[in-house]
Each structure stands twice: as C-alpha cells, then as structure tokens.
Amino acid sequence: MPSGNSHPTHFATTRWTLVSEAVRGGDTEALEAMGALFGTYWRPLYRYVRRCGRAEADAEDLVQGFFVHLLEQNGLRLVDRDRGRFRAFLLGSLKHYMANEWQRDHRLKRGGFAAHVSIDWKNAETGLGLELPDNRSPDRLFDREWAMVLLDKVLDDLALTETELDFGRWKPFLTMSSARLSYADIAAEFGLSEGAARVAVHRLRKRYRQRLRDEIGRTLAGAHLVEDEMRSLFAALSG
C-alpha cells in the first residue's frame, strides 16, 4: 500500500465488502475509503430518519452517531455477505442502531462528525418540508433517494473528466429519451455534421453507462449483482 497518500485511492475501485474486511483489521486507508463511501451515500439515510418522524436535530445526531458506531464500535460485524449491497447493509444497520443503540444515549454534539466526513445537513433538508403526501414506505423512498444520489455522483464525476467538451451543454442528452433526440438540432448547435453529432452522443452515453456501472459496482459485493442492482434502482426512480 503506498505511503504518504491521504486519499483512499487504493480502494477507489474496490468493492465495499473488501473495504469492510480491511476496516475490521483497522487499516487506516480502508477507514478513509469507508468514510468516502459513506460521505457519498449518507443523505438517503438522513432523509429516511426524517421520514420516520425524527426532528431535524435528532436526525443529525442519530446519523452522526450511527457512522461513528460503524467505525469505532465494530458496527461492520453486521455485514450480511449474502446480500452484498452497501445500501441494504447501511439501511439494515441503521434500523438496528435506531432500535437498540439510540436508546442508550449515544448522542454526539452536532459537528463532531466533521473529523470523519464533511456533511451538508441543510442541503439534505431541501424539499422535505414541501413533499406532497406519499403512500410509499420510508424504505422504498430510501431506495429512490439512493438512486438519485448515485446518478448525481456519476454526473458530477463525468463533468470533471469530460474536459474536451462543454459538458453543461451536452449533459441533457444523457437523460433525454432517444425519441426526443434531434441529431439535426444537435449538429446545428455544435457546428457538427449530423453523423458526427450522433457519434458524439453515442460515445458520451457509453462513457456515462460505464461510469454508472462502475459506481454501482463499488457498492456491491460482486460484479454479478450489477445488472440486478441497476434494474432495482431504476425501478425505484420510476415508481
């Protein structure tokens, strides 16, 4: 493992269960990698807690305490390797924590989480107070929130790497249905031939799909789960 590296690059493409195994052994770089995963996907947990009826301050304290519990109290012993999904592990572990640990006065001062992960609590509150009544369970909404965070993460990563094009202008074509795409209009907008516009969109979408698969793979125990996870998450978005 390279020395002097403050970023969890060693685990950048490693599946989360391998990270959890290293965390159990106290590997510092693995702890950073686990923190990076949680730093990306904490928001669905927070919004789940809020939808379960917890007040804003209580939800902040609970999620902070939960993550510290994972890292400092060997919470990763609860990993269900047969399920193999980071999102399933997190939600199941959070429910366990809420039912058992939270009753033992595990509150932390708000802000104590900063040593592990930078959290924008106010951003996570966006839209919660404006939601229309929804008959879907907090569990189903958690899956939807997870899918939305994952897609946002992939788009943000793509924006950082697609330096040869104006990504802000090309981004809408990633999510636009093929029926709505007008390659003639795209060609005119970017000064390309229609064929070149078609190729450019196809290549960008291909890179997007690959990054999406890679990111999903980081949260699973094995590549064989990727297709099923993609179907589940897109079903959560549509339903």
C-alpha atoms as a PDB file:
ATOM      1  CA  MET A   1       0.000   0.000   0.000  1.00  0.00           C
ATOM      2  CA  PRO A   2       1.642   3.322  -0.982  1.00  0.00           C
ATOM      3  CA  SER A   3       2.724   5.534   1.883  1.00  0.00           C
ATOM      4  CA  GLY A   4       2.058   9.232   2.318  1.00  0.00           C
ATOM      5  CA  ASN A   5      -1.222   9.156   0.423  1.00  0.00           C
ATOM      6  CA  SER A   6      -4.028  10.936   2.254  1.00  0.00           C
ATOM      7  CA  HIS A   7      -6.684   9.838  -0.244  1.00  0.00           C
ATOM      8  CA  PRO A   8      -8.314   6.389  -0.333  1.00  0.00           C
ATOM      9  CA  THR A   9      -7.077   5.694  -3.864  1.00  0.00           C
ATOM     10  CA  HIS A  10      -6.185   2.105  -3.039  1.00  0.00           C
ATOM     11  CA  PHE A  11      -9.855   1.324  -2.624  1.00  0.00           C
ATOM     12  CA  ALA A  12     -11.194   3.641  -5.330  1.00  0.00           C
ATOM     13  CA  THR A  13     -12.460   0.729  -7.407  1.00  0.00           C
ATOM     14  CA  THR A  14     -12.635  -1.915  -4.676  1.00  0.00           C
ATOM     15  CA  ARG A  15     -15.978  -3.388  -3.730  1.00  0.00           C
ATOM     16  CA  TRP A  16     -17.260  -2.254  -0.403  1.00  0.00           C
ATOM     17  CA  THR A  17     -17.185  -5.669   1.258  1.00  0.00           C
ATOM     18  CA  LEU A  18     -13.420  -5.805   0.734  1.00  0.00           C
ATOM     19  CA  VAL A  19     -13.190  -2.369   2.324  1.00  0.00           C
ATOM     20  CA  SER A  20     -15.241  -3.597   5.284  1.00  0.00           C
ATOM     21  CA  GLU A  21     -12.911  -6.544   5.754  1.00  0.00           C
ATOM     22  CA  ALA A  22      -9.925  -4.194   5.843  1.00  0.00           C
ATOM     23  CA  VAL A  23     -11.770  -1.865   8.231  1.00  0.00           C
ATOM     24  CA  ARG A  24     -12.224  -4.780  10.622  1.00  0.00           C
ATOM     25  CA  GLY A  25      -8.452  -5.063  10.685  1.00  0.00           C
ATOM     26  CA  GLY A  26      -8.031  -1.370  11.498  1.00  0.00           C
ATOM     27  CA  ASP A  27      -6.481  -0.411   8.150  1.00  0.00           C
ATOM     28  CA  THR A  28      -6.304   3.415   8.122  1.00  0.00           C
ATOM     29  CA  GLU A  29      -6.627   3.728   4.365  1.00  0.00           C
ATOM     30  CA  ALA A  30      -9.623   1.401   4.414  1.00  0.00           C
ATOM     31  CA  LEU A  31     -11.250   3.565   7.086  1.00  0.00           C
ATOM     32  CA  GLU A  32     -10.793   6.564   4.796  1.00  0.00           C
ATOM     33  CA  ALA A  33     -12.309   4.610   1.921  1.00  0.00           C
ATOM     34  CA  MET A  34     -15.288   3.632   4.060  1.00  0.00           C
ATOM     35  CA  GLY A  35     -15.671   7.270   5.022  1.00  0.00           C
ATOM     36  CA  ALA A  36     -15.641   8.251   1.358  1.00  0.00           C
ATOM     37  CA  LEU A  37     -18.420   5.764   0.570  1.00  0.00           C
ATOM     38  CA  PHE A  38     -20.487   6.972   3.491  1.00  0.00           C
ATOM     39  CA  GLY A  39     -19.743  10.577   2.565  1.00  0.00           C
ATOM     40  CA  THR A  40     -21.406   9.956  -0.788  1.00  0.00           C
ATOM     41  CA  TYR A  41     -24.396   7.973   0.409  1.00  0.00           C
ATOM     42  CA  TRP A  42     -25.273   9.370   3.853  1.00  0.00           C
ATOM     43  CA  ARG A  43     -28.071  11.614   2.549  1.00  0.00           C
ATOM     44  CA  PRO A  44     -30.629   8.826   1.871  1.00  0.00           C
ATOM     45  CA  LEU A  45     -30.100   7.660   5.468  1.00  0.00           C
ATOM     46  CA  TYR A  46     -30.705  11.126   6.866  1.00  0.00           C
ATOM     47  CA  ARG A  47     -33.866  11.601   4.830  1.00  0.00           C
ATOM     48  CA  TYR A  48     -35.031   8.122   5.835  1.00  0.00           C
ATOM     49  CA  VAL A  49     -34.701   9.082   9.504  1.00  0.00           C
ATOM     50  CA  ARG A  50     -36.579  12.337   8.923  1.00  0.00           C
ATOM     51  CA  ARG A  51     -39.395  10.466   7.160  1.00  0.00           C
ATOM     52  CA  CYS A  52     -39.589   8.159  10.158  1.00  0.00           C
ATOM     53  CA  GLY A  53     -40.687  11.180  12.168  1.00  0.00           C
ATOM     54  CA  ARG A  54     -37.446  12.330  13.770  1.00  0.00           C
ATOM     55  CA  ALA A  55     -36.827  16.044  14.197  1.00  0.00           C
ATOM     56  CA  GLU A  56     -34.034  17.666  12.198  1.00  0.00           C
ATOM     57  CA  ALA A  57     -31.572  17.948  15.104  1.00  0.00           C
ATOM     58  CA  ASP A  58     -32.286  14.397  16.287  1.00  0.00           C
ATOM     59  CA  ALA A  59     -31.776  13.044  12.770  1.00  0.00           C
ATOM     60  CA  GLU A  60     -28.406  14.794  12.530  1.00  0.00           C
ATOM     61  CA  ASP A  61     -27.290  13.366  15.870  1.00  0.00           C
ATOM     62  CA  LEU A  62     -28.539   9.914  15.008  1.00  0.00           C
ATOM     63  CA  VAL A  63     -26.787   9.691  11.649  1.00  0.00           C
ATOM     64  CA  GLN A  64     -23.570  11.043  13.154  1.00  0.00           C
ATOM     65  CA  GLY A  65     -23.731   8.520  15.973  1.00  0.00           C
ATOM     66  CA  PHE A  66     -24.527   5.720  13.572  1.00  0.00           C
ATOM     67  CA  PHE A  67     -21.475   6.303  11.409  1.00  0.00           C
ATOM     68  CA  VAL A  68     -19.157   6.651  14.387  1.00  0.00           C
ATOM     69  CA  HIS A  69     -20.667   3.390  15.662  1.00  0.00           C
ATOM     70  CA  LEU A  70     -19.770   1.703  12.375  1.00  0.00           C
ATOM     71  CA  LEU A  71     -16.156   2.787  12.543  1.00  0.00           C
ATOM     72  CA  GLU A  72     -15.436   2.788  16.274  1.00  0.00           C
ATOM     73  CA  GLN A  73     -17.763   0.153  17.706  1.00  0.00           C
ATOM     74  CA  ASN A  74     -17.182  -2.601  15.148  1.00  0.00           C
ATOM     75  CA  GLY A  75     -20.571  -1.996  13.578  1.00  0.00           C
ATOM     76  CA  LEU A  76     -19.303  -3.634  10.416  1.00  0.00           C
ATOM     77  CA  ARG A  77     -19.683  -7.002  12.120  1.00  0.00           C
ATOM     78  CA  LEU A  78     -23.331  -6.801  10.991  1.00  0.00           C
ATOM     79  CA  VAL A  79     -22.400  -7.165   7.314  1.00  0.00           C
ATOM     80  CA  ASP A  80     -24.629  -9.691   5.557  1.00  0.00           C
ATOM     81  CA  ARG A  81     -22.285 -11.039   2.899  1.00  0.00           C
ATOM     82  CA  ASP A  82     -25.051 -12.986   1.199  1.00  0.00           C
ATOM     83  CA  ARG A  83     -26.938  -9.793   0.378  1.00  0.00           C
ATOM     84  CA  GLY A  84     -23.828  -7.965  -0.763  1.00  0.00           C
ATOM     85  CA  ARG A  85     -25.318  -4.489  -1.203  1.00  0.00           C
ATOM     86  CA  PHE A  86     -23.900  -1.495   0.623  1.00  0.00           C
ATOM     87  CA  ARG A  87     -27.283   0.258   0.621  1.00  0.00           C
ATOM     88  CA  ALA A  88     -29.008  -2.779   2.139  1.00  0.00           C
ATOM     89  CA  PHE A  89     -26.292  -3.078   4.765  1.00  0.00           C
ATOM     90  CA  LEU A  90     -26.497   0.613   5.680  1.00  0.00           C
ATOM     91  CA  LEU A  91     -30.272   0.690   5.982  1.00  0.00           C
ATOM     92  CA  GLY A  92     -30.456  -2.564   7.919  1.00  0.00           C
ATOM     93  CA  SER A  93     -27.678  -1.453  10.260  1.00  0.00           C
ATOM     94  CA  LEU A  94     -29.317   1.933  10.773  1.00  0.00           C
ATOM     95  CA  LYS A  95     -32.607   0.273  11.724  1.00  0.00           C
ATOM     96  CA  HIS A  96     -30.745  -1.916  14.207  1.00  0.00           C
ATOM     97  CA  TYR A  97     -28.993   1.143  15.619  1.00  0.00           C
ATOM     98  CA  MET A  98     -32.237   3.082  15.910  1.00  0.00           C
ATOM     99  CA  ALA A  99     -33.961   0.211  17.692  1.00  0.00           C
ATOM    100  CA  ASN A 100     -31.172  -0.625  20.111  1.00  0.00           C
ATOM    101  CA  GLU A 101     -28.219   1.728  20.320  1.00  0.00           C
ATOM    102  CA  TRP A 102     -30.055   5.042  20.132  1.00  0.00           C
ATOM    103  CA  GLN A 103     -31.881   4.259  23.361  1.00  0.00           C
ATOM    104  CA  ARG A 104     -28.525   4.116  25.182  1.00  0.00           C
ATOM    105  CA  ASP A 105     -27.834   7.834  24.960  1.00  0.00           C
ATOM    106  CA  HIS A 106     -25.425   7.727  22.036  1.00  0.00           C
ATOM    107  CA  ARG A 107     -25.989  11.376  21.178  1.00  0.00           C
ATOM    108  CA  LEU A 108     -22.991  13.346  19.950  1.00  0.00           C
ATOM    109  CA  LYS A 109     -22.569  17.082  19.770  1.00  0.00           C
ATOM    110  CA  ARG A 110     -23.547  18.251  16.310  1.00  0.00           C
ATOM    111  CA  GLY A 111     -20.366  18.956  14.391  1.00  0.00           C
ATOM    112  CA  GLY A 112     -18.433  16.075  15.950  1.00  0.00           C
ATOM    113  CA  PHE A 113     -18.841  14.186  12.695  1.00  0.00           C
ATOM    114  CA  ALA A 114     -16.570  16.621  10.878  1.00  0.00           C
ATOM    115  CA  ALA A 115     -13.455  14.634  11.750  1.00  0.00           C
ATOM    116  CA  HIS A 116     -14.784  11.770   9.606  1.00  0.00           C
ATOM    117  CA  VAL A 117     -16.947  13.187   6.814  1.00  0.00           C
ATOM    118  CA  SER A 118     -17.997  16.653   5.678  1.00  0.00           C
ATOM    119  CA  ILE A 119     -21.794  16.783   5.781  1.00  0.00           C
ATOM    120  CA  ASP A 120     -24.154  19.430   4.402  1.00  0.00           C
ATOM    121  CA  TRP A 121     -27.192  18.856   6.609  1.00  0.00           C
ATOM    122  CA  LYS A 122     -29.131  21.822   5.242  1.00  0.00           C
ATOM    123  CA  ASN A 123     -28.801  20.528   1.699  1.00  0.00           C
ATOM    124  CA  ALA A 124     -30.303  17.214   2.805  1.00  0.00           C
ATOM    125  CA  GLU A 125     -33.356  19.098   4.105  1.00  0.00           C
ATOM    126  CA  THR A 126     -34.090  20.532   0.655  1.00  0.00           C
ATOM    127  CA  GLY A 127     -37.633  19.714  -0.384  1.00  0.00           C
ATOM    128  CA  LEU A 128     -38.524  17.611   2.655  1.00  0.00           C
ATOM    129  CA  GLY A 129     -40.947  20.180   4.020  1.00  0.00           C
ATOM    130  CA  LEU A 130     -42.579  20.636   0.610  1.00  0.00           C
ATOM    131  CA  GLU A 131     -43.231  16.965  -0.154  1.00  0.00           C
ATOM    132  CA  LEU A 132     -46.770  16.000  -1.015  1.00  0.00           C
ATOM    133  CA  PRO A 133     -48.320  13.134   0.955  1.00  0.00           C
ATOM    134  CA  ASP A 134     -46.699   9.919  -0.254  1.00  0.00           C
ATOM    135  CA  ASN A 135     -48.023   6.447   0.483  1.00  0.00           C
ATOM    136  CA  ARG A 136     -44.705   4.827  -0.269  1.00  0.00           C
ATOM    137  CA  SER A 137     -42.850   3.496   2.757  1.00  0.00           C
ATOM    138  CA  PRO A 138     -39.661   5.189   4.012  1.00  0.00           C
ATOM    139  CA  ASP A 139     -37.810   2.056   2.832  1.00  0.00           C
ATOM    140  CA  ARG A 140     -38.998   2.498  -0.769  1.00  0.00           C
ATOM    141  CA  LEU A 141     -38.236   6.198  -0.669  1.00  0.00           C
ATOM    142  CA  PHE A 142     -34.776   5.366   0.670  1.00  0.00           C
ATOM    143  CA  ASP A 143     -34.089   3.323  -2.478  1.00  0.00           C
ATOM    144  CA  ARG A 144     -35.259   6.231  -4.616  1.00  0.00           C
ATOM    145  CA  GLU A 145     -33.037   8.682  -2.721  1.00  0.00           C
ATOM    146  CA  TRP A 146     -30.110   6.285  -3.092  1.00  0.00           C
ATOM    147  CA  ALA A 147     -30.597   6.093  -6.855  1.00  0.00           C
ATOM    148  CA  MET A 148     -30.783   9.884  -7.136  1.00  0.00           C
ATOM    149  CA  VAL A 149     -27.573  10.381  -5.150  1.00  0.00           C
ATOM    150  CA  LEU A 150     -25.814   7.744  -7.241  1.00  0.00           C
ATOM    151  CA  LEU A 151     -26.826   9.378 -10.519  1.00  0.00           C
ATOM    152  CA  ASP A 152     -25.771  12.809  -9.238  1.00  0.00           C
ATOM    153  CA  LYS A 153     -22.397  11.370  -8.229  1.00  0.00           C
ATOM    154  CA  VAL A 154     -21.852   9.853 -11.671  1.00  0.00           C
ATOM    155  CA  LEU A 155     -22.806  13.079 -13.451  1.00  0.00           C
ATOM    156  CA  ASP A 156     -20.503  15.127 -11.208  1.00  0.00           C
ATOM    157  CA  ASP A 157     -17.621  12.731 -11.862  1.00  0.00           C
ATOM    158  CA  LEU A 158     -18.278  12.818 -15.588  1.00  0.00           C
ATOM    159  CA  ALA A 159     -18.305  16.618 -15.576  1.00  0.00           C
ATOM    160  CA  LEU A 160     -14.803  16.585 -14.075  1.00  0.00           C
ATOM    161  CA  THR A 161     -13.383  14.223 -16.693  1.00  0.00           C
ATOM    162  CA  GLU A 162     -15.110  15.329 -19.901  1.00  0.00           C
ATOM    163  CA  THR A 163     -12.744  18.242 -20.393  1.00  0.00           C
ATOM    164  CA  GLU A 164     -12.762  18.136 -24.186  1.00  0.00           C
ATOM    165  CA  LEU A 165     -16.385  19.250 -24.462  1.00  0.00           C
ATOM    166  CA  ASP A 166     -18.728  21.738 -22.828  1.00  0.00           C
ATOM    167  CA  PHE A 167     -20.315  19.174 -20.533  1.00  0.00           C
ATOM    168  CA  GLY A 168     -23.011  21.525 -19.295  1.00  0.00           C
ATOM    169  CA  ARG A 169     -24.384  21.773 -22.830  1.00  0.00           C
ATOM    170  CA  TRP A 170     -24.070  18.052 -23.591  1.00  0.00           C
ATOM    171  CA  LYS A 171     -25.395  16.795 -20.251  1.00  0.00           C
ATOM    172  CA  PRO A 172     -29.133  16.937 -21.184  1.00  0.00           C
ATOM    173  CA  PHE A 173     -28.549  14.367 -23.936  1.00  0.00           C
ATOM    174  CA  LEU A 174     -27.540  11.743 -21.355  1.00  0.00           C
ATOM    175  CA  THR A 175     -31.002  11.510 -19.836  1.00  0.00           C
ATOM    176  CA  MET A 176     -33.123  12.540 -22.811  1.00  0.00           C
ATOM    177  CA  SER A 177     -35.066   9.700 -24.395  1.00  0.00           C
ATOM    178  CA  SER A 178     -33.902   8.635 -27.851  1.00  0.00           C
ATOM    179  CA  ALA A 179     -37.294   9.566 -29.277  1.00  0.00           C
ATOM    180  CA  ARG A 180     -36.754  13.185 -28.238  1.00  0.00           C
ATOM    181  CA  LEU A 181     -33.235  13.490 -29.593  1.00  0.00           C
ATOM    182  CA  SER A 182     -32.893  15.548 -32.770  1.00  0.00           C
ATOM    183  CA  TYR A 183     -29.433  14.965 -34.162  1.00  0.00           C
ATOM    184  CA  ALA A 184     -30.029  17.640 -36.774  1.00  0.00           C
ATOM    185  CA  ASP A 185     -30.609  20.216 -33.987  1.00  0.00           C
ATOM    186  CA  ILE A 186     -27.574  18.971 -32.053  1.00  0.00           C
ATOM    187  CA  ALA A 187     -25.443  19.215 -35.186  1.00  0.00           C
ATOM    188  CA  ALA A 188     -26.600  22.771 -35.808  1.00  0.00           C
ATOM    189  CA  GLU A 189     -25.992  23.800 -32.179  1.00  0.00           C
ATOM    190  CA  PHE A 190     -22.452  22.459 -32.047  1.00  0.00           C
ATOM    191  CA  GLY A 191     -21.395  23.033 -35.649  1.00  0.00           C
ATOM    192  CA  LEU A 192     -21.100  19.337 -36.473  1.00  0.00           C
ATOM    193  CA  SER A 193     -22.366  17.108 -39.205  1.00  0.00           C
ATOM    194  CA  GLU A 194     -25.425  15.072 -38.218  1.00  0.00           C
ATOM    195  CA  GLY A 195     -23.335  11.895 -38.309  1.00  0.00           C
ATOM    196  CA  ALA A 196     -20.691  13.416 -36.046  1.00  0.00           C
ATOM    197  CA  ALA A 197     -23.392  14.573 -33.616  1.00  0.00           C
ATOM    198  CA  ARG A 198     -24.834  11.063 -33.493  1.00  0.00           C
ATOM    199  CA  VAL A 199     -21.408   9.574 -32.785  1.00  0.00           C
ATOM    200  CA  ALA A 200     -20.632  12.179 -30.100  1.00  0.00           C
ATOM    201  CA  VAL A 201     -23.878  11.499 -28.229  1.00  0.00           C
ATOM    202  CA  HIS A 202     -23.415   7.748 -28.534  1.00  0.00           C
ATOM    203  CA  ARG A 203     -19.874   7.900 -27.139  1.00  0.00           C
ATOM    204  CA  LEU A 204     -20.862  10.186 -24.270  1.00  0.00           C
ATOM    205  CA  ARG A 205     -23.751   7.911 -23.330  1.00  0.00           C
ATOM    206  CA  LYS A 206     -21.471   4.899 -23.476  1.00  0.00           C
ATOM    207  CA  ARG A 207     -18.999   6.543 -21.100  1.00  0.00           C
ATOM    208  CA  TYR A 208     -21.882   7.525 -18.816  1.00  0.00           C
ATOM    209  CA  ARG A 209     -23.233   3.971 -18.698  1.00  0.00           C
ATOM    210  CA  GLN A 210     -19.790   2.593 -17.913  1.00  0.00           C
ATOM    211  CA  ARG A 211     -19.244   5.099 -15.100  1.00  0.00           C
ATOM    212  CA  LEU A 212     -22.683   4.257 -13.760  1.00  0.00           C
ATOM    213  CA  ARG A 213     -21.865   0.560 -13.735  1.00  0.00           C
ATOM    214  CA  ASP A 214     -18.500   1.261 -12.086  1.00  0.00           C
ATOM    215  CA  GLU A 215     -20.076   3.354  -9.339  1.00  0.00           C
ATOM    216  CA  ILE A 216     -22.785   0.781  -8.684  1.00  0.00           C
ATOM    217  CA  GLY A 217     -20.091  -1.889  -8.582  1.00  0.00           C
ATOM    218  CA  ARG A 218     -18.312  -0.033  -5.790  1.00  0.00           C
ATOM    219  CA  THR A 219     -21.364  -0.567  -3.577  1.00  0.00           C
ATOM    220  CA  LEU A 220     -21.777  -4.283  -4.260  1.00  0.00           C
ATOM    221  CA  ALA A 221     -20.037  -7.470  -3.197  1.00  0.00           C
ATOM    222  CA  GLY A 222     -19.574  -8.739  -6.755  1.00  0.00           C
ATOM    223  CA  ALA A 223     -19.939  -7.816 -10.422  1.00  0.00           C
ATOM    224  CA  HIS A 224     -22.691 -10.406 -10.840  1.00  0.00           C
ATOM    225  CA  LEU A 225     -25.019  -8.118  -8.841  1.00  0.00           C
ATOM    226  CA  VAL A 226     -24.625  -5.031 -11.042  1.00  0.00           C
ATOM    227  CA  GLU A 227     -27.401  -5.713 -13.564  1.00  0.00           C
ATOM    228  CA  ASP A 228     -29.891  -6.604 -10.854  1.00  0.00           C
ATOM    229  CA  GLU A 229     -28.958  -3.516  -8.840  1.00  0.00           C
ATOM    230  CA  MET A 230     -29.353  -1.290 -11.887  1.00  0.00           C
ATOM    231  CA  ARG A 231     -32.837  -2.677 -12.512  1.00  0.00           C
ATOM    232  CA  SER A 232     -33.766  -2.206  -8.866  1.00  0.00           C
ATOM    233  CA  LEU A 233     -32.566   1.381  -8.713  1.00  0.00           C
ATOM    234  CA  PHE A 234     -34.198   2.453 -11.957  1.00  0.00           C
ATOM    235  CA  ALA A 235     -37.403   0.787 -10.811  1.00  0.00           C
ATOM    236  CA  ALA A 236     -37.163   2.840  -7.614  1.00  0.00           C
ATOM    237  CA  LEU A 237     -36.767   6.010  -9.670  1.00  0.00           C
ATOM    238  CA  SER A 238     -39.754   5.254 -11.879  1.00  0.00           C
ATOM    239  CA  GLY A 239     -42.015   4.044  -9.067  1.00  0.00           C
END
